[in-house]
PDB file of all heavy atoms in Angstrom:
ATOM      1  N   LEU A   1     316.771  10.373   1.504  1.00  0.00           N
ATOM      2  CA  LEU A   1     316.495   9.030   1.989  1.00  0.00           C
ATOM      3  C   LEU A   1     315.580   9.020   3.214  1.00  0.00           C
ATOM      4  O   LEU A   1     315.023   7.984   3.567  1.00  0.00           O
ATOM      5  CB  LEU A   1     317.797   8.289   2.293  1.00  0.00           C
ATOM      6  CG  LEU A   1     318.697   7.994   1.092  1.00  0.00           C
ATOM      7  CD1 LEU A   1     319.913   7.191   1.526  1.00  0.00           C
ATOM      8  CD2 LEU A   1     317.944   7.259  -0.003  1.00  0.00           C
ATOM      9  N   ASN A   2     315.398  10.176   3.852  1.00  0.00           N
ATOM     10  CA  ASN A   2     314.509  10.262   5.002  1.00  0.00           C
ATOM     11  C   ASN A   2     313.057   9.957   4.637  1.00  0.00           C
ATOM     12  O   ASN A   2     312.237   9.690   5.503  1.00  0.00           O
ATOM     13  CB  ASN A   2     314.584  11.649   5.656  1.00  0.00           C
ATOM     14  CG  ASN A   2     315.925  11.894   6.305  1.00  0.00           C
ATOM     15  OD1 ASN A   2     316.655  10.954   6.622  1.00  0.00           O
ATOM     16  ND2 ASN A   2     316.265  13.149   6.498  1.00  0.00           N
ATOM     17  N   HIS A   3     312.737   9.995   3.354  1.00  0.00           N
ATOM     18  CA  HIS A   3     311.374   9.723   2.891  1.00  0.00           C
ATOM     19  C   HIS A   3     311.077   8.235   2.784  1.00  0.00           C
ATOM     20  O   HIS A   3     309.934   7.854   2.542  1.00  0.00           O
ATOM     21  CB  HIS A   3     311.146  10.365   1.509  1.00  0.00           C
ATOM     22  CG  HIS A   3     311.295  11.850   1.502  1.00  0.00           C
ATOM     23  ND1 HIS A   3     310.329  12.685   2.000  1.00  0.00           N
ATOM     24  CD2 HIS A   3     312.300  12.640   1.076  1.00  0.00           C
ATOM     25  CE1 HIS A   3     310.727  13.937   1.868  1.00  0.00           C
ATOM     26  NE2 HIS A   3     311.926  13.935   1.307  1.00  0.00           N
ATOM     27  N   PHE A   4     312.087   7.385   2.944  1.00  0.00           N
ATOM     28  CA  PHE A   4     311.946   5.961   2.666  1.00  0.00           C
ATOM     29  C   PHE A   4     312.313   5.102   3.871  1.00  0.00           C
ATOM     30  O   PHE A   4     313.059   5.536   4.740  1.00  0.00           O
ATOM     31  CB  PHE A   4     312.851   5.552   1.498  1.00  0.00           C
ATOM     32  CG  PHE A   4     312.657   6.366   0.257  1.00  0.00           C
ATOM     33  CD1 PHE A   4     313.537   7.386  -0.060  1.00  0.00           C
ATOM     34  CD2 PHE A   4     311.576   6.111  -0.594  1.00  0.00           C
ATOM     35  CE1 PHE A   4     313.356   8.144  -1.212  1.00  0.00           C
ATOM     36  CE2 PHE A   4     311.390   6.858  -1.739  1.00  0.00           C
ATOM     37  CZ  PHE A   4     312.277   7.883  -2.042  1.00  0.00           C
ATOM     38  N   HIS A   5     311.797   3.876   3.862  1.00  0.00           N
ATOM     39  CA  HIS A   5     312.308   2.869   4.786  1.00  0.00           C
ATOM     40  C   HIS A   5     313.690   2.478   4.286  1.00  0.00           C
ATOM     41  O   HIS A   5     313.913   2.355   3.085  1.00  0.00           O
ATOM     42  CB  HIS A   5     311.413   1.625   4.789  1.00  0.00           C
ATOM     43  CG  HIS A   5     310.070   1.847   5.376  1.00  0.00           C
ATOM     44  ND1 HIS A   5     309.868   2.099   6.714  1.00  0.00           N
ATOM     45  CD2 HIS A   5     308.842   1.862   4.809  1.00  0.00           C
ATOM     46  CE1 HIS A   5     308.592   2.249   6.945  1.00  0.00           C
ATOM     47  NE2 HIS A   5     307.935   2.124   5.799  1.00  0.00           N
ATOM     48  N   ILE A   6     314.619   2.279   5.218  1.00  0.00           N
ATOM     49  CA  ILE A   6     315.986   1.895   4.844  1.00  0.00           C
ATOM     50  C   ILE A   6     316.349   0.605   5.564  1.00  0.00           C
ATOM     51  O   ILE A   6     316.106   0.461   6.760  1.00  0.00           O
ATOM     52  CB  ILE A   6     316.992   3.010   5.209  1.00  0.00           C
ATOM     53  CG1 ILE A   6     316.650   4.299   4.462  1.00  0.00           C
ATOM     54  CG2 ILE A   6     318.418   2.570   4.914  1.00  0.00           C
ATOM     55  CD1 ILE A   6     317.469   5.495   4.870  1.00  0.00           C
ATOM     56  N   ILE A   7     316.933  -0.330   4.817  1.00  0.00           N
ATOM     57  CA  ILE A   7     317.419  -1.579   5.407  1.00  0.00           C
ATOM     58  C   ILE A   7     318.929  -1.632   5.229  1.00  0.00           C
ATOM     59  O   ILE A   7     319.433  -1.510   4.115  1.00  0.00           O
ATOM     60  CB  ILE A   7     316.768  -2.812   4.741  1.00  0.00           C
ATOM     61  CG1 ILE A   7     315.286  -2.863   5.091  1.00  0.00           C
ATOM     62  CG2 ILE A   7     317.460  -4.089   5.176  1.00  0.00           C
ATOM     63  CD1 ILE A   7     314.562  -4.045   4.484  1.00  0.00           C
ATOM     64  N   ASP A   8     319.625  -1.802   6.345  1.00  0.00           N
ATOM     65  CA  ASP A   8     321.085  -1.913   6.322  1.00  0.00           C
ATOM     66  C   ASP A   8     321.454  -3.376   6.112  1.00  0.00           C
ATOM     67  O   ASP A   8     321.345  -4.190   7.031  1.00  0.00           O
ATOM     68  CB  ASP A   8     321.648  -1.390   7.647  1.00  0.00           C
ATOM     69  CG  ASP A   8     323.159  -1.507   7.733  1.00  0.00           C
ATOM     70  OD1 ASP A   8     323.789  -1.990   6.763  1.00  0.00           O
ATOM     71  OD2 ASP A   8     323.722  -1.110   8.772  1.00  0.00           O
ATOM     72  N   ILE A   9     321.863  -3.726   4.908  1.00  0.00           N
ATOM     73  CA  ILE A   9     322.158  -5.125   4.589  1.00  0.00           C
ATOM     74  C   ILE A   9     323.562  -5.558   5.027  1.00  0.00           C
ATOM     75  O   ILE A   9     323.942  -6.708   4.828  1.00  0.00           O
ATOM     76  CB  ILE A   9     321.953  -5.429   3.089  1.00  0.00           C
ATOM     77  CG1 ILE A   9     322.806  -4.512   2.245  1.00  0.00           C
ATOM     78  CG2 ILE A   9     320.497  -5.339   2.710  1.00  0.00           C
ATOM     79  CD1 ILE A   9     322.854  -4.925   0.804  1.00  0.00           C
ATOM     80  N   SER A  10     324.313  -4.643   5.642  1.00  0.00           N
ATOM     81  CA  SER A  10     325.636  -5.022   6.144  1.00  0.00           C
ATOM     82  C   SER A  10     325.530  -5.704   7.514  1.00  0.00           C
ATOM     83  O   SER A  10     326.501  -6.245   8.011  1.00  0.00           O
ATOM     84  CB  SER A  10     326.542  -3.793   6.247  1.00  0.00           C
ATOM     85  OG  SER A  10     326.054  -2.899   7.241  1.00  0.00           O
ATOM     86  N   ARG A  11     324.338  -5.689   8.097  1.00  0.00           N
ATOM     87  CA  ARG A  11     324.141  -6.321   9.404  1.00  0.00           C
ATOM     88  C   ARG A  11     324.180  -7.843   9.251  1.00  0.00           C
ATOM     89  O   ARG A  11     324.026  -8.371   8.162  1.00  0.00           O
ATOM     90  CB  ARG A  11     322.786  -5.887   9.976  1.00  0.00           C
ATOM     91  CG  ARG A  11     322.678  -4.376  10.082  1.00  0.00           C
ATOM     92  CD  ARG A  11     321.289  -3.948  10.418  1.00  0.00           C
ATOM     93  NE  ARG A  11     321.051  -4.193  11.827  1.00  0.00           N
ATOM     94  CZ  ARG A  11     319.882  -4.006  12.415  1.00  0.00           C
ATOM     95  NH1 ARG A  11     318.851  -3.615  11.715  1.00  0.00           N
ATOM     96  NH2 ARG A  11     319.737  -4.228  13.697  1.00  0.00           N
ATOM     97  N   ASP A  12     324.361  -8.538  10.378  1.00  0.00           N
ATOM     98  CA  ASP A  12     324.375  -9.999  10.301  1.00  0.00           C
ATOM     99  C   ASP A  12     322.986 -10.491   9.881  1.00  0.00           C
ATOM    100  O   ASP A  12     321.993  -9.776   9.994  1.00  0.00           O
ATOM    101  CB  ASP A  12     324.816 -10.627  11.627  1.00  0.00           C
ATOM    102  CG  ASP A  12     323.816 -10.384  12.746  1.00  0.00           C
ATOM    103  OD1 ASP A  12     322.771 -11.050  12.764  1.00  0.00           O
ATOM    104  OD2 ASP A  12     324.094  -9.509  13.601  1.00  0.00           O
ATOM    105  N   GLN A  13     322.928 -11.724   9.381  1.00  0.00           N
ATOM    106  CA  GLN A  13     321.698 -12.235   8.780  1.00  0.00           C
ATOM    107  C   GLN A  13     320.538 -12.247   9.767  1.00  0.00           C
ATOM    108  O   GLN A  13     319.413 -11.929   9.410  1.00  0.00           O
ATOM    109  CB  GLN A  13     321.916 -13.637   8.212  1.00  0.00           C
ATOM    110  CG  GLN A  13     320.729 -14.111   7.385  1.00  0.00           C
ATOM    111  CD  GLN A  13     320.998 -15.410   6.668  1.00  0.00           C
ATOM    112  OE1 GLN A  13     322.067 -15.988   6.760  1.00  0.00           O
ATOM    113  NE2 GLN A  13     320.006 -15.886   5.941  1.00  0.00           N
ATOM    114  N   HIS A  14     320.797 -12.581  11.021  1.00  0.00           N
ATOM    115  CA  HIS A  14     319.733 -12.613  12.029  1.00  0.00           C
ATOM    116  C   HIS A  14     319.102 -11.223  12.195  1.00  0.00           C
ATOM    117  O   HIS A  14     317.875 -11.089  12.211  1.00  0.00           O
ATOM    118  CB  HIS A  14     320.288 -13.111  13.361  1.00  0.00           C
ATOM    119  CG  HIS A  14     319.264 -13.237  14.436  1.00  0.00           C
ATOM    120  ND1 HIS A  14     318.410 -14.310  14.521  1.00  0.00           N
ATOM    121  CD2 HIS A  14     318.939 -12.414  15.468  1.00  0.00           C
ATOM    122  CE1 HIS A  14     317.606 -14.151  15.555  1.00  0.00           C
ATOM    123  NE2 HIS A  14     317.920 -13.014  16.149  1.00  0.00           N
ATOM    124  N   ALA A  15     319.952 -10.193  12.293  1.00  0.00           N
ATOM    125  CA  ALA A  15     319.449  -8.820  12.449  1.00  0.00           C
ATOM    126  C   ALA A  15     318.706  -8.368  11.198  1.00  0.00           C
ATOM    127  O   ALA A  15     317.681  -7.674  11.282  1.00  0.00           O
ATOM    128  CB  ALA A  15     320.609  -7.868  12.751  1.00  0.00           C
ATOM    129  N   LEU A  16     319.201  -8.769  10.027  1.00  0.00           N
ATOM    130  CA  LEU A  16     318.557  -8.403   8.770  1.00  0.00           C
ATOM    131  C   LEU A  16     317.180  -9.052   8.656  1.00  0.00           C
ATOM    132  O   LEU A  16     316.196  -8.399   8.279  1.00  0.00           O
ATOM    133  CB  LEU A  16     319.443  -8.809   7.594  1.00  0.00           C
ATOM    134  CG  LEU A  16     318.959  -8.453   6.198  1.00  0.00           C
ATOM    135  CD1 LEU A  16     318.718  -6.957   6.055  1.00  0.00           C
ATOM    136  CD2 LEU A  16     319.951  -8.932   5.154  1.00  0.00           C
ATOM    137  N   VAL A  17     317.089 -10.323   8.995  1.00  0.00           N
ATOM    138  CA  VAL A  17     315.806 -11.030   8.971  1.00  0.00           C
ATOM    139  C   VAL A  17     314.822 -10.339   9.917  1.00  0.00           C
ATOM    140  O   VAL A  17     313.663 -10.099   9.568  1.00  0.00           O
ATOM    141  CB  VAL A  17     315.990 -12.517   9.353  1.00  0.00           C
ATOM    142  CG1 VAL A  17     314.663 -13.181   9.681  1.00  0.00           C
ATOM    143  CG2 VAL A  17     316.694 -13.264   8.230  1.00  0.00           C
ATOM    144  N   LYS A  18     315.285 -10.002  11.105  1.00  0.00           N
ATOM    145  CA  LYS A  18     314.434  -9.338  12.097  1.00  0.00           C
ATOM    146  C   LYS A  18     313.917  -8.008  11.562  1.00  0.00           C
ATOM    147  O   LYS A  18     312.732  -7.682  11.695  1.00  0.00           O
ATOM    148  CB  LYS A  18     315.224  -9.133  13.392  1.00  0.00           C
ATOM    149  CG  LYS A  18     314.423  -8.527  14.517  1.00  0.00           C
ATOM    150  CD  LYS A  18     315.245  -8.455  15.785  1.00  0.00           C
ATOM    151  CE  LYS A  18     314.459  -7.824  16.911  1.00  0.00           C
ATOM    152  NZ  LYS A  18     315.230  -7.779  18.162  1.00  0.00           N
ATOM    153  N   GLU A  19     314.797  -7.242  10.924  1.00  0.00           N
ATOM    154  CA  GLU A  19     314.411  -5.937  10.385  1.00  0.00           C
ATOM    155  C   GLU A  19     313.368  -6.073   9.273  1.00  0.00           C
ATOM    156  O   GLU A  19     312.381  -5.333   9.231  1.00  0.00           O
ATOM    157  CB  GLU A  19     315.662  -5.221   9.859  1.00  0.00           C
ATOM    158  CG  GLU A  19     315.443  -3.764   9.554  1.00  0.00           C
ATOM    159  CD  GLU A  19     316.741  -3.044   9.225  1.00  0.00           C
ATOM    160  OE1 GLU A  19     317.833  -3.588   9.498  1.00  0.00           O
ATOM    161  OE2 GLU A  19     316.662  -1.928   8.697  1.00  0.00           O
ATOM    162  N   ILE A  20     313.558  -7.038   8.385  1.00  0.00           N
ATOM    163  CA  ILE A  20     312.605  -7.242   7.289  1.00  0.00           C
ATOM    164  C   ILE A  20     311.272  -7.736   7.835  1.00  0.00           C
ATOM    165  O   ILE A  20     310.205  -7.307   7.391  1.00  0.00           O
ATOM    166  CB  ILE A  20     313.175  -8.206   6.229  1.00  0.00           C
ATOM    167  CG1 ILE A  20     314.371  -7.556   5.531  1.00  0.00           C
ATOM    168  CG2 ILE A  20     312.112  -8.574   5.198  1.00  0.00           C
ATOM    169  CD1 ILE A  20     315.126  -8.470   4.598  1.00  0.00           C
ATOM    170  N   LEU A  21     311.300  -8.637   8.816  1.00  0.00           N
ATOM    171  CA  LEU A  21     310.065  -9.123   9.429  1.00  0.00           C
ATOM    172  C   LEU A  21     309.298  -7.979  10.090  1.00  0.00           C
ATOM    173  O   LEU A  21     308.075  -7.904   9.991  1.00  0.00           O
ATOM    174  CB  LEU A  21     310.369 -10.211  10.459  1.00  0.00           C
ATOM    175  CG  LEU A  21     310.667 -11.596   9.903  1.00  0.00           C
ATOM    176  CD1 LEU A  21     311.216 -12.512  10.992  1.00  0.00           C
ATOM    177  CD2 LEU A  21     309.427 -12.214   9.272  1.00  0.00           C
ATOM    178  N   LYS A  22     310.009  -7.073  10.754  1.00  0.00           N
ATOM    179  CA  LYS A  22     309.344  -5.917  11.372  1.00  0.00           C
ATOM    180  C   LYS A  22     308.677  -5.046  10.315  1.00  0.00           C
ATOM    181  O   LYS A  22     307.539  -4.611  10.477  1.00  0.00           O
ATOM    182  CB  LYS A  22     310.355  -5.083  12.172  1.00  0.00           C
ATOM    183  CG  LYS A  22     310.647  -5.614  13.530  1.00  0.00           C
ATOM    184  CD  LYS A  22     311.550  -4.671  14.298  1.00  0.00           C
ATOM    185  CE  LYS A  22     311.801  -5.176  15.698  1.00  0.00           C
ATOM    186  NZ  LYS A  22     312.698  -4.306  16.453  1.00  0.00           N
ATOM    187  N   LEU A  23     309.395  -4.786   9.236  1.00  0.00           N
ATOM    188  CA  LEU A  23     308.822  -3.991   8.144  1.00  0.00           C
ATOM    189  C   LEU A  23     307.592  -4.676   7.562  1.00  0.00           C
ATOM    190  O   LEU A  23     306.569  -4.042   7.312  1.00  0.00           O
ATOM    191  CB  LEU A  23     309.857  -3.809   7.025  1.00  0.00           C
ATOM    192  CG  LEU A  23     310.708  -2.564   7.026  1.00  0.00           C
ATOM    193  CD1 LEU A  23     311.670  -2.590   5.847  1.00  0.00           C
ATOM    194  CD2 LEU A  23     309.869  -1.317   7.002  1.00  0.00           C
ATOM    195  N   HIS A  24     307.698  -5.975   7.344  1.00  0.00           N
ATOM    196  CA  HIS A  24     306.595  -6.741   6.753  1.00  0.00           C
ATOM    197  C   HIS A  24     305.367  -6.711   7.671  1.00  0.00           C
ATOM    198  O   HIS A  24     304.251  -6.464   7.227  1.00  0.00           O
ATOM    199  CB  HIS A  24     307.041  -8.170   6.485  1.00  0.00           C
ATOM    200  CG  HIS A  24     305.990  -9.014   5.842  1.00  0.00           C
ATOM    201  ND1 HIS A  24     305.455  -8.727   4.614  1.00  0.00           N
ATOM    202  CD2 HIS A  24     305.360 -10.128   6.272  1.00  0.00           C
ATOM    203  CE1 HIS A  24     304.551  -9.631   4.294  1.00  0.00           C
ATOM    204  NE2 HIS A  24     304.469 -10.498   5.293  1.00  0.00           N
ATOM    205  N   ASN A  25     305.585  -6.942   8.960  1.00  0.00           N
ATOM    206  CA  ASN A  25     304.463  -6.939   9.902  1.00  0.00           C
ATOM    207  C   ASN A  25     303.876  -5.547  10.086  1.00  0.00           C
ATOM    208  O   ASN A  25     302.674  -5.397  10.242  1.00  0.00           O
ATOM    209  CB  ASN A  25     304.892  -7.516  11.253  1.00  0.00           C
ATOM    210  CG  ASN A  25     304.927  -9.023  11.241  1.00  0.00           C
ATOM    211  OD1 ASN A  25     304.642  -9.656  10.231  1.00  0.00           O
ATOM    212  ND2 ASN A  25     305.281  -9.622  12.351  1.00  0.00           N
ATOM    213  N   MET A  26     304.733  -4.525  10.056  1.00  0.00           N
ATOM    214  CA  MET A  26     304.254  -3.147  10.189  1.00  0.00           C
ATOM    215  C   MET A  26     303.321  -2.796   9.034  1.00  0.00           C
ATOM    216  O   MET A  26     302.292  -2.161   9.211  1.00  0.00           O
ATOM    217  CB  MET A  26     305.453  -2.186  10.217  1.00  0.00           C
ATOM    218  CG  MET A  26     305.069  -0.732  10.428  1.00  0.00           C
ATOM    219  SD  MET A  26     306.527   0.317  10.586  1.00  0.00           S
ATOM    220  CE  MET A  26     307.257   0.165   8.978  1.00  0.00           C
ATOM    221  N   GLY A  27     303.669  -3.268   7.837  1.00  0.00           N
ATOM    222  CA  GLY A  27     302.867  -2.936   6.673  1.00  0.00           C
ATOM    223  C   GLY A  27     301.699  -3.869   6.433  1.00  0.00           C
ATOM    224  O   GLY A  27     300.727  -3.499   5.790  1.00  0.00           O
ATOM    225  N   HIS A  28     301.782  -5.095   6.972  1.00  0.00           N
ATOM    226  CA  HIS A  28     300.768  -6.088   6.624  1.00  0.00           C
ATOM    227  C   HIS A  28     300.147  -6.781   7.823  1.00  0.00           C
ATOM    228  O   HIS A  28     299.489  -7.801   7.675  1.00  0.00           O
ATOM    229  CB  HIS A  28     301.378  -7.130   5.674  1.00  0.00           C
ATOM    230  CG  HIS A  28     301.894  -6.502   4.423  1.00  0.00           C
ATOM    231  ND1 HIS A  28     301.071  -6.101   3.411  1.00  0.00           N
ATOM    232  CD2 HIS A  28     303.148  -6.157   4.053  1.00  0.00           C
ATOM    233  CE1 HIS A  28     301.796  -5.564   2.446  1.00  0.00           C
ATOM    234  NE2 HIS A  28     303.053  -5.583   2.812  1.00  0.00           N
ATOM    235  N   GLY A  29     300.372  -6.258   9.015  1.00  0.00           N
ATOM    236  CA  GLY A  29     299.711  -6.824  10.192  1.00  0.00           C
ATOM    237  C   GLY A  29     300.410  -8.049  10.725  1.00  0.00           C
ATOM    238  O   GLY A  29     301.372  -8.540  10.178  1.00  0.00           O
ATOM    239  N   ASN A  30     299.905  -8.533  11.836  1.00  0.00           N
ATOM    240  CA  ASN A  30     300.475  -9.693  12.508  1.00  0.00           C
ATOM    241  C   ASN A  30     300.183 -10.948  11.713  1.00  0.00           C
ATOM    242  O   ASN A  30     299.046 -11.267  11.444  1.00  0.00           O
ATOM    243  CB  ASN A  30     299.880  -9.790  13.920  1.00  0.00           C
ATOM    244  CG  ASN A  30     300.599 -10.810  14.767  1.00  0.00           C
ATOM    245  OD1 ASN A  30     301.302 -11.668  14.260  1.00  0.00           O
ATOM    246  ND2 ASN A  30     300.408 -10.708  16.063  1.00  0.00           N
ATOM    247  N   ARG A  31     301.220 -11.685  11.357  1.00  0.00           N
ATOM    248  CA  ARG A  31     301.069 -12.868  10.522  1.00  0.00           C
ATOM    249  C   ARG A  31     301.090 -14.164  11.339  1.00  0.00           C
ATOM    250  O   ARG A  31     301.502 -15.195  10.853  1.00  0.00           O
ATOM    251  CB  ARG A  31     302.199 -12.925   9.477  1.00  0.00           C
ATOM    252  CG  ARG A  31     302.176 -11.771   8.514  1.00  0.00           C
ATOM    253  CD  ARG A  31     300.930 -11.824   7.675  1.00  0.00           C
ATOM    254  NE  ARG A  31     300.991 -10.816   6.628  1.00  0.00           N
ATOM    255  CZ  ARG A  31     300.000 -10.536   5.828  1.00  0.00           C
ATOM    256  NH1 ARG A  31     298.852 -11.154   5.952  1.00  0.00           N
ATOM    257  NH2 ARG A  31     300.124  -9.628   4.890  1.00  0.00           N
ATOM    258  N   GLN A  32     300.675 -14.109  12.583  1.00  0.00           N
ATOM    259  CA  GLN A  32     300.710 -15.320  13.382  1.00  0.00           C
ATOM    260  C   GLN A  32     299.777 -16.364  12.804  1.00  0.00           C
ATOM    261  O   GLN A  32     298.736 -16.048  12.256  1.00  0.00           O
ATOM    262  CB  GLN A  32     300.314 -15.014  14.825  1.00  0.00           C
ATOM    263  CG  GLN A  32     301.375 -14.196  15.526  1.00  0.00           C
ATOM    264  CD  GLN A  32     301.118 -14.093  17.000  1.00  0.00           C
ATOM    265  OE1 GLN A  32     300.089 -14.508  17.494  1.00  0.00           O
ATOM    266  NE2 GLN A  32     302.060 -13.534  17.715  1.00  0.00           N
ATOM    267  N   HIS A  33     300.173 -17.589  12.949  1.00  0.00           N
ATOM    268  CA  HIS A  33     299.388 -18.697  12.398  1.00  0.00           C
ATOM    269  C   HIS A  33     298.078 -18.812  13.172  1.00  0.00           C
ATOM    270  O   HIS A  33     298.077 -18.945  14.393  1.00  0.00           O
ATOM    271  CB  HIS A  33     300.200 -19.996  12.516  1.00  0.00           C
ATOM    272  CG  HIS A  33     299.639 -21.101  11.703  1.00  0.00           C
ATOM    273  ND1 HIS A  33     298.519 -21.786  12.083  1.00  0.00           N
ATOM    274  CD2 HIS A  33     300.034 -21.626  10.519  1.00  0.00           C
ATOM    275  CE1 HIS A  33     298.243 -22.711  11.181  1.00  0.00           C
ATOM    276  NE2 HIS A  33     299.150 -22.632  10.229  1.00  0.00           N
TER     277      HIS A  33
END
């Protein structure tokens, strides 16, 4: 699993959203309007 990004879905929704947003921005740049 060290070869992959891992998301812990047992975290509260706010932390999960933050983690996914970080992954998304890391891979696709800053999405500011």
